[in-house]
Amino acid sequence: MSYQIVPATLYEAQNAYRRLQCQMNMGDPATTIVEIKTFLKMYPEVALPYNDLGVLYSRVGEKLLSLACYEKANRIQPGNPSIIKNLAEFYFVELGWVDDAIMMLTQLLNSFPDDTDLLRLMVDISRRVGREQEAQLFSQRLSELEQKDSAITDVHVCDVSPAASPVSGRPDVAREETTTESAPVTDNLEDILARIRQTLSQETTDVARQPSLAADELYRRAQEQLSARDDDQALLTLEQLVTQEPDNALAHNDLGVLHTRRGDLEQALLHHETAVRNNPANTTFQKNLAALYYSCLGRTDEAITIYTRLLREYPDDVEVLTALAIISAANRLGEQARLFIGRVIELEPWNTEARNFLAGL
């Protein structure tokens, strides 16, 4: 029987994490990582700890783990601005996925037009895609907001003295100047974002004009190469396919399998997680990711999370039951292992491997 602590509500879990943040040793990333991972064993459905882990892993040079944590935080709480900014910045800076970063940040900026961190990112990205005019507009808006914050700070300092009062007119003048100068940027924000997206659309159009095989034909060719055990050519074909169709989950899944065979676990993880992100309903993609987590990366908790979620949806899935039996046995949870493998034998009485596994427990 499991005695894992389960929070009564998400609100309780979030409060528990706020208390932990007050106690964490932020000066020591390694210690803080351990503290957060311990917390997540009890409260695995809270997004912000994964986001914080992403920041910490990035600081210690664990880029792959950082990306995985940002992605997981975004899956749990997809509308959180802080998480989106961190993930988009990682895409932009570490992976060079400028298109993805643009789409994420422009959508976010529509909702939060005065977010200074967002504006800074948009300045950098606008220059990256050759939109210097838009970069200057974002930079202008950023300067205005910073000046406004500085003016508000000055007013608060002055308010300490009874002699300083709005009679001087300073706060009103500051607001009028800000409104007058920022109106063009604010009024045209959607136009500015549309022009940046237009650059993205133009790049996509240019790629489409280049002669290339259809995605279906490329995937068929890759399957033929796999059948012929020509993994090197299959890898090249699938990489060409995901260049044309970055959201092709089937291709990403197959690339994950191929990279696992070659021992390139970093690329395998990237492609398996992309496959699940692009098609989260596909059970095969989820199983492959869970298997990679457990068998190759030692990330048992994350594998268990995927398997148990699948088991709730598909209680008679023999592969999931077998995987949970193996993990339970490896962790000396014999009773749980017998329970899972026993269910496999009920579903498949002819399954000799399951019977041998049970006899060995």
Foldseek 3Di string as FASTA:
>chain_A
DDPAAEDPDVVVLVVVVVVVVVVDDVVDLVRNLVVLVVSCSRVVLAQVSLQVNLVSCVVVPNNLSSQVSLVSSCVSPVPDPVSLLVNLVCCVPVVVVLLVSLVSLLVVCVVVVLDLSSLVVVLVSCVVLPNNVLSVLSVVSSVLSVVLVVQVVVLVVQVVDPVDDCVVVSVVVSVVVSCVVNVVCVVCVVVSSVVVVVSVVVVLVVVVPDDDDDLVVLQVVLVVCVVVVVLVVSLVSLVVNCVNVVLPLVSLQVNLVSCVVVVNLSSNLVSLVSSCVSPVVDLVSLQSNLCCCVVPVVNNVVSVVSLVVVCVVPVLDLVSLQVQLVVCVVVVNNVSNLVSLVSSCVVPVPPPVSVVVNVVD
